[in-house]
Amino acid sequence: MIKIEHLSKDWKEFKINDVTLEINEDEYFVFLGPSGSGKTMLLELIAGMWTPDSGKIYINNQDVTNFPPEKRGVGFVYQNYMLFPHKTVFENIAFGLNIRKVDKKKIEEQVGEMMDLFGISHLAHRLPRTLSGGEQQRTALARALIIRPKVLLMDEPLSALDRITREELIREFKKIHEEFNITIIQVTHNFDEALQLAERIAIIKQGTVSQVGSTDEVFRRPKDEFVADFVGTENIIRGVATDGEENLTSVDTGNIVVESTEHKTGKVHFTIRPEAITVSTSRITTSARNEFKGKLTEIYDLGTIIKLTVDVGEQFVLVLTRQSFDDLELNIGKEVFISFKATAVNLF
């Protein structure tokens, strides 16, 4: 387990401000946030590349705050791979074992096994400049894992890769996590990557943690406007919340009243995911507590799905499969009904 307590670091334009966080043993955890938010600095503080101004870092219940990187039991994969340009693939992977003065025969065995695992044995005698981005990334991963670290730290490992290579490596990251029984912490600004890989996410904003939770929690229940906007919540609407009937909360936007199972009063924002909204061309019997009549104002064809905007006094964005869109025979200006459950309405 990794435990971070009140960690702070201020260096030029980069800042980490009083971060407290726990990451479980063998968890796949992602730091997600925009560029310049402090994600990489937080990762590097865990690795020991920076000394914090204040706070503590524990790895497996041991205070490692003042330990050098090589004493922390962590492997680090850089965004730009940071392979030694004058060393071959074999020599790059063997570097950590050589530093630890491992027997030459064991080095050959272990490096051979690691190259086999990543499918790069045929590249053993190649230099980094002759490798593709995916081959460099696999070499960097093998180098980080050869020392059998307790924790693997990865800084934007997929950002420079094409789509096909990125998808291949996502599968490999999952395999590494399962086979090595290792804690992985990955930095990314890409929410799709986080959704595919993370068990939990920390949203980082200006050196602070805005929200921590499972991908589903963060995706469907953002705790503030920044998180909601960052994870692509398109329906973010202001209103005033009061206690409603049947243990529900009523949110009055001035144009419509929306009901939620969450309990807040006063000025609030509410969010609802586009996929949680149902659209029909006539009023239907439904258990959904929220139903509104409006007009279809925008249609965006995204290939396999269609994105719609419906004006019911407030603008709501929703999505349909192409088949559903065709079946409903929708067009701009058409009168429609939208509905969604009170349980789908998030308040903050």
Protein backbone atom coordinates (compact mmCIF):
# COMPACT_ATOMS: atom_id res chain seq x y z
CA MET A 1 0.00 0.00 0.00
CA ILE A 2 1.12 3.56 -0.74
CA LYS A 3 0.12 6.23 1.73
CA ILE A 4 0.66 9.93 1.09
CA GLU A 5 0.12 12.35 3.98
CA HIS A 6 -0.16 16.14 3.56
CA LEU A 7 2.40 16.16 0.76
CA SER A 8 3.48 19.56 -0.60
CA LYS A 9 6.10 20.73 -3.07
CA ASP A 10 6.50 24.14 -4.72
CA TRP A 11 8.97 24.48 -7.60
CA LYS A 12 8.67 27.28 -10.16
CA GLU A 13 5.34 26.88 -11.97
CA PHE A 14 4.74 23.37 -10.59
CA LYS A 15 3.05 22.78 -7.25
CA ILE A 16 1.67 19.97 -5.10
CA ASN A 17 -0.49 21.30 -2.30
CA ASP A 18 -1.31 19.24 0.82
CA VAL A 19 -2.15 15.97 -0.97
CA THR A 20 -3.34 13.08 1.18
CA LEU A 21 -4.05 9.80 -0.60
CA GLU A 22 -4.03 6.02 -0.12
CA ILE A 23 -3.41 3.54 -2.93
CA ASN A 24 -4.12 -0.10 -2.21
CA GLU A 25 -1.69 -2.94 -2.66
CA ASP A 26 -1.82 -4.41 -6.22
CA GLU A 27 -4.22 -1.66 -7.32
CA TYR A 28 -4.20 -0.09 -10.79
CA PHE A 29 -4.50 3.59 -9.95
CA VAL A 30 -4.55 6.57 -12.33
CA PHE A 31 -3.72 10.24 -11.80
CA LEU A 32 -5.95 12.05 -14.28
CA GLY A 33 -5.91 15.75 -15.02
CA PRO A 34 -5.06 18.46 -17.55
CA SER A 35 -1.51 19.34 -18.56
CA GLY A 36 0.36 21.29 -15.87
CA SER A 37 -1.92 20.12 -13.05
CA GLY A 38 0.89 18.45 -11.06
CA LYS A 39 0.29 14.80 -12.00
CA THR A 40 3.88 14.11 -13.04
CA MET A 41 5.37 15.93 -10.06
CA LEU A 42 3.22 13.84 -7.71
CA LEU A 43 4.43 10.67 -9.47
CA GLU A 44 8.04 11.82 -9.25
CA LEU A 45 7.65 12.61 -5.55
CA ILE A 46 6.52 9.00 -4.97
CA ALA A 47 9.52 7.81 -6.99
CA GLY A 48 11.94 9.90 -4.93
CA MET A 49 13.04 12.25 -7.70
CA TRP A 50 12.01 15.23 -5.60
CA THR A 51 12.24 15.90 -1.89
CA PRO A 52 8.90 17.24 -0.62
CA ASP A 53 8.73 20.56 1.20
CA SER A 54 6.46 18.87 3.73
CA GLY A 55 4.49 15.67 4.21
CA LYS A 56 5.22 11.95 4.24
CA ILE A 57 5.27 9.06 1.75
CA TYR A 58 4.87 5.46 2.91
CA ILE A 59 5.34 2.33 0.78
CA ASN A 60 4.23 -0.92 2.44
CA ASN A 61 4.04 0.85 5.82
CA GLN A 62 7.63 2.09 5.58
CA ASP A 63 8.39 5.81 5.63
CA VAL A 64 10.36 6.35 2.40
CA THR A 65 10.09 10.14 2.31
CA ASN A 66 13.86 10.60 2.46
CA PHE A 67 14.85 7.40 0.63
CA PRO A 68 16.67 7.71 -2.71
CA PRO A 69 14.79 6.28 -5.72
CA GLU A 70 16.79 3.04 -5.83
CA LYS A 71 15.84 2.23 -2.24
CA ARG A 72 12.06 2.58 -2.71
CA GLY A 73 11.35 -0.58 -4.70
CA VAL A 74 9.72 1.28 -7.58
CA GLY A 75 10.09 1.06 -11.35
CA PHE A 76 9.55 4.17 -13.48
CA VAL A 77 8.50 4.42 -17.14
CA TYR A 78 8.92 7.89 -18.63
CA GLN A 79 6.73 9.58 -21.21
CA ASN A 80 9.64 9.74 -23.68
CA TYR A 81 10.98 6.31 -22.61
CA MET A 82 14.44 7.66 -21.53
CA LEU A 83 16.31 4.68 -22.96
CA PHE A 84 20.09 4.93 -23.01
CA PRO A 85 20.79 5.80 -26.66
CA HIS A 86 24.24 4.15 -26.74
CA LYS A 87 23.03 0.86 -25.21
CA THR A 88 21.27 -1.99 -27.02
CA VAL A 89 17.82 -3.23 -26.04
CA PHE A 90 19.46 -6.04 -24.05
CA GLU A 91 21.81 -3.62 -22.28
CA ASN A 92 19.00 -1.19 -21.47
CA ILE A 93 16.90 -3.92 -19.88
CA ALA A 94 19.90 -5.32 -18.00
CA PHE A 95 20.86 -1.93 -16.54
CA GLY A 96 19.09 -2.31 -13.17
CA LEU A 97 20.51 -5.80 -12.66
CA ASN A 98 24.03 -4.64 -13.46
CA ILE A 99 23.73 -1.80 -10.94
CA ARG A 100 22.73 -4.41 -8.35
CA LYS A 101 25.73 -6.55 -9.35
CA VAL A 102 23.63 -9.58 -10.29
CA ASP A 103 25.56 -12.57 -11.68
CA LYS A 104 26.13 -12.33 -15.45
CA LYS A 105 24.47 -15.68 -16.18
CA LYS A 106 21.38 -14.70 -14.19
CA ILE A 107 21.25 -11.39 -16.04
CA GLU A 108 21.20 -13.20 -19.36
CA GLU A 109 18.44 -15.53 -18.16
CA GLN A 110 16.26 -12.81 -16.63
CA VAL A 111 16.66 -10.36 -19.53
CA GLY A 112 15.91 -13.18 -21.97
CA GLU A 113 12.71 -14.03 -20.09
CA MET A 114 11.65 -10.39 -19.99
CA MET A 115 12.28 -9.89 -23.72
CA ASP A 116 10.27 -13.04 -24.45
CA LEU A 117 7.41 -11.70 -22.31
CA PHE A 118 7.26 -8.47 -24.31
CA GLY A 119 7.95 -10.06 -27.68
CA ILE A 120 11.16 -8.10 -28.30
CA SER A 121 13.79 -10.87 -28.27
CA HIS A 122 14.52 -10.22 -31.95
CA LEU A 123 15.46 -6.64 -31.04
CA ALA A 124 18.10 -7.57 -28.44
CA HIS A 125 21.04 -6.04 -30.30
CA ARG A 126 19.26 -3.00 -31.71
CA LEU A 127 19.81 0.58 -30.51
CA PRO A 128 16.82 2.70 -29.38
CA ARG A 129 16.99 5.04 -32.37
CA THR A 130 16.17 2.09 -34.68
CA LEU A 131 13.01 1.13 -32.76
CA SER A 132 9.38 2.15 -33.26
CA GLY A 133 7.52 3.94 -30.47
CA GLY A 134 5.83 0.72 -29.37
CA GLU A 135 9.14 -1.18 -29.35
CA GLN A 136 10.77 1.57 -27.28
CA GLN A 137 7.87 1.49 -24.82
CA ARG A 138 8.09 -2.29 -24.43
CA THR A 139 11.83 -2.00 -23.82
CA ALA A 140 11.23 0.71 -21.20
CA LEU A 141 8.62 -1.49 -19.50
CA ALA A 142 10.96 -4.48 -19.48
CA ARG A 143 13.73 -2.34 -17.98
CA ALA A 144 11.41 -1.09 -15.23
CA LEU A 145 10.08 -4.57 -14.39
CA ILE A 146 13.34 -6.52 -14.51
CA ILE A 147 14.13 -5.48 -10.92
CA ARG A 148 10.76 -6.85 -9.75
CA PRO A 149 9.57 -3.58 -8.19
CA LYS A 150 6.75 -3.41 -5.64
CA VAL A 151 5.31 -0.42 -7.51
CA LEU A 152 5.34 0.51 -11.21
CA LEU A 153 5.02 4.22 -11.98
CA MET A 154 4.19 5.28 -15.55
CA ASP A 155 4.13 8.86 -16.82
CA GLU A 156 1.86 9.28 -19.88
CA PRO A 157 3.14 5.96 -21.34
CA LEU A 158 0.69 5.94 -24.27
CA SER A 159 0.61 9.59 -25.30
CA ALA A 160 3.08 9.38 -28.23
CA LEU A 161 1.71 6.18 -29.79
CA ASP A 162 -0.66 5.53 -32.67
CA ARG A 163 -4.11 4.12 -31.95
CA ILE A 164 -3.32 0.49 -32.81
CA THR A 165 -0.12 0.40 -30.74
CA ARG A 166 -1.90 2.16 -27.88
CA GLU A 167 -4.64 -0.47 -27.83
CA GLU A 168 -2.05 -3.27 -27.90
CA LEU A 169 -0.19 -1.76 -24.95
CA ILE A 170 -3.38 -1.25 -22.96
CA ARG A 171 -3.90 -5.01 -23.21
CA GLU A 172 -0.28 -5.57 -22.17
CA PHE A 173 -0.61 -3.23 -19.18
CA LYS A 174 -3.58 -5.28 -17.98
CA LYS A 175 -1.56 -8.46 -18.42
CA ILE A 176 1.40 -7.00 -16.50
CA HIS A 177 -0.88 -5.99 -13.66
CA GLU A 178 -2.31 -9.48 -13.38
CA GLU A 179 0.89 -11.49 -13.86
CA PHE A 180 3.24 -9.43 -11.70
CA ASN A 181 0.77 -8.78 -8.83
CA ILE A 182 2.06 -5.23 -8.77
CA THR A 183 0.73 -1.82 -7.78
CA ILE A 184 0.59 0.40 -10.86
CA ILE A 185 0.19 4.17 -10.81
CA GLN A 186 -0.24 5.77 -14.22
CA VAL A 187 -0.42 9.44 -15.17
CA THR A 188 -2.64 10.44 -18.08
CA HIS A 189 -4.80 13.29 -19.33
CA ASN A 190 -6.88 10.85 -21.39
CA PHE A 191 -10.11 9.75 -19.70
CA ASP A 192 -10.65 6.87 -22.14
CA GLU A 193 -7.32 5.35 -21.05
CA ALA A 194 -8.30 5.73 -17.41
CA LEU A 195 -11.67 4.08 -18.02
CA GLN A 196 -10.03 1.05 -19.63
CA LEU A 197 -7.26 0.57 -17.08
CA ALA A 198 -7.95 2.07 -13.68
CA GLU A 199 -9.63 0.52 -10.68
CA ARG A 200 -9.66 3.96 -9.08
CA ILE A 201 -8.86 7.48 -10.27
CA ALA A 202 -7.63 10.66 -8.62
CA ILE A 203 -8.56 13.83 -10.50
CA ILE A 204 -5.69 16.33 -10.11
CA LYS A 205 -6.26 20.07 -10.44
CA GLN A 206 -3.59 22.70 -9.76
CA GLY A 207 -1.63 20.43 -7.45
CA THR A 208 -4.60 19.24 -5.39
CA VAL A 209 -6.82 16.16 -5.50
CA SER A 210 -10.32 17.18 -6.60
CA GLN A 211 -11.91 13.73 -6.37
CA VAL A 212 -10.93 10.10 -5.76
CA GLY A 213 -13.13 7.14 -6.63
CA SER A 214 -13.82 4.26 -8.96
CA THR A 215 -14.04 5.11 -12.64
CA ASP A 216 -17.81 4.72 -12.44
CA GLU A 217 -18.10 7.03 -9.42
CA VAL A 218 -16.00 9.76 -10.98
CA PHE A 219 -17.67 9.37 -14.36
CA ARG A 220 -21.25 9.37 -13.11
CA ARG A 221 -20.97 11.26 -9.81
CA PRO A 222 -18.51 14.15 -10.25
CA LYS A 223 -18.20 16.25 -7.10
CA ASP A 224 -17.63 19.65 -8.67
CA GLU A 225 -17.91 21.53 -11.94
CA PHE A 226 -14.23 21.05 -12.84
CA VAL A 227 -14.42 17.26 -12.54
CA ALA A 228 -17.75 17.12 -14.36
CA ASP A 229 -16.38 19.17 -17.25
CA PHE A 230 -13.09 17.27 -17.38
CA VAL A 231 -14.70 13.82 -17.62
CA GLY A 232 -16.97 15.00 -20.42
CA THR A 233 -20.25 15.56 -18.60
CA GLU A 234 -22.20 17.60 -21.13
CA ASN A 235 -25.31 18.22 -19.03
CA ILE A 236 -24.25 20.55 -16.20
CA ILE A 237 -27.15 22.76 -15.09
CA ARG A 238 -27.58 25.18 -12.17
CA GLY A 239 -30.61 25.31 -9.91
CA VAL A 240 -31.94 25.67 -6.39
CA ALA A 241 -32.52 22.48 -4.42
CA THR A 242 -35.26 21.96 -1.85
CA ASP A 243 -36.69 18.94 -0.06
CA GLY A 244 -39.30 17.32 -2.28
CA GLU A 245 -41.85 14.56 -1.92
CA GLU A 246 -41.15 10.87 -1.30
CA ASN A 247 -37.68 11.55 0.11
CA LEU A 248 -36.54 13.20 -3.13
CA THR A 249 -34.81 16.51 -3.77
CA SER A 250 -36.40 18.98 -6.19
CA VAL A 251 -34.08 21.21 -8.22
CA ASP A 252 -35.68 24.30 -9.77
CA THR A 253 -33.67 25.79 -12.64
CA GLY A 254 -36.16 28.59 -13.23
CA ASN A 255 -37.41 26.78 -16.31
CA ILE A 256 -37.96 23.19 -15.18
CA VAL A 257 -37.95 21.19 -11.94
CA VAL A 258 -35.80 18.05 -11.80
CA GLU A 259 -36.01 15.39 -9.08
CA SER A 260 -33.01 13.56 -7.60
CA THR A 261 -32.51 10.87 -4.98
CA GLU A 262 -29.49 12.79 -3.65
CA HIS A 263 -30.04 15.18 -0.76
CA LYS A 264 -28.85 18.77 -0.90
CA THR A 265 -30.46 22.16 -0.41
CA GLY A 266 -29.64 25.62 -1.68
CA LYS A 267 -27.80 26.56 -4.84
CA VAL A 268 -26.54 23.45 -6.66
CA HIS A 269 -25.44 22.08 -10.00
CA PHE A 270 -26.95 18.90 -11.30
CA THR A 271 -25.44 16.59 -13.89
CA ILE A 272 -26.75 13.66 -15.88
CA ARG A 273 -24.89 11.53 -18.39
CA PRO A 274 -26.21 11.71 -21.98
CA GLU A 275 -26.62 7.92 -22.08
CA ALA A 276 -28.95 8.05 -19.04
CA ILE A 277 -31.58 10.04 -20.96
CA THR A 278 -34.31 8.35 -23.00
CA VAL A 279 -36.03 10.06 -25.92
CA SER A 280 -39.36 9.22 -27.57
CA THR A 281 -41.77 10.85 -29.99
CA SER A 282 -44.77 10.38 -27.71
CA ARG A 283 -45.37 10.28 -23.98
CA ILE A 284 -44.68 6.80 -22.62
CA THR A 285 -45.41 5.06 -19.35
CA THR A 286 -42.17 4.92 -17.39
CA SER A 287 -40.89 4.69 -13.82
CA ALA A 288 -38.60 7.67 -14.48
CA ARG A 289 -39.49 10.61 -12.22
CA ASN A 290 -38.30 13.19 -14.72
CA GLU A 291 -40.12 13.63 -18.03
CA PHE A 292 -40.17 16.74 -20.20
CA LYS A 293 -41.60 17.77 -23.55
CA GLY A 294 -39.36 19.71 -25.90
CA LYS A 295 -37.93 20.19 -29.38
CA LEU A 296 -34.97 18.58 -31.05
CA THR A 297 -32.52 21.42 -31.85
CA GLU A 298 -29.27 19.71 -32.88
CA ILE A 299 -28.21 16.40 -34.44
CA TYR A 300 -24.57 15.30 -34.61
CA ASP A 301 -23.70 12.15 -36.54
CA LEU A 302 -20.72 10.47 -34.79
CA GLY A 303 -20.76 7.32 -36.87
CA THR A 304 -21.95 4.48 -34.65
CA ILE A 305 -23.88 6.85 -32.38
CA ILE A 306 -25.95 9.99 -32.86
CA LYS A 307 -25.74 12.89 -30.42
CA LEU A 308 -28.87 14.99 -29.95
CA THR A 309 -29.66 18.26 -28.20
CA VAL A 310 -33.21 18.71 -26.93
CA ASP A 311 -34.58 22.02 -25.60
CA VAL A 312 -37.12 21.50 -22.79
CA GLY A 313 -36.55 24.91 -21.23
CA GLU A 314 -33.02 23.72 -20.51
CA GLN A 315 -30.74 22.16 -23.11
CA PHE A 316 -30.09 18.43 -22.65
CA VAL A 317 -27.57 16.40 -24.65
CA LEU A 318 -28.28 12.70 -25.15
CA VAL A 319 -27.05 9.88 -27.36
CA LEU A 320 -28.72 7.18 -29.44
CA THR A 321 -27.51 4.25 -31.46
CA ARG A 322 -27.88 4.78 -35.18
CA GLN A 323 -30.59 2.08 -35.32
CA SER A 324 -32.66 3.79 -32.60
CA PHE A 325 -32.26 7.15 -34.33
CA ASP A 326 -33.44 5.72 -37.65
CA ASP A 327 -36.40 3.96 -36.00
CA LEU A 328 -37.60 7.19 -34.36
CA GLU A 329 -37.38 9.14 -37.66
CA LEU A 330 -36.05 12.21 -35.88
CA ASN A 331 -35.27 15.56 -37.45
CA ILE A 332 -34.50 19.06 -36.21
CA GLY A 333 -37.56 20.87 -34.91
CA LYS A 334 -39.47 17.68 -34.11
CA GLU A 335 -41.40 17.55 -30.84
CA VAL A 336 -40.05 14.86 -28.52
CA PHE A 337 -40.21 13.68 -24.91
CA ILE A 338 -37.15 12.99 -22.79
CA SER A 339 -37.09 11.10 -19.51
CA PHE A 340 -34.53 10.05 -16.92
CA LYS A 341 -34.54 8.51 -13.47
CA ALA A 342 -34.09 10.47 -10.25
CA THR A 343 -31.26 8.07 -9.35
CA ALA A 344 -29.32 9.26 -12.44
CA VAL A 345 -29.29 12.90 -11.32
CA ASN A 346 -26.05 13.87 -9.57
CA LEU A 347 -25.93 16.96 -7.34
CA PHE A 348 -23.03 19.08 -6.15
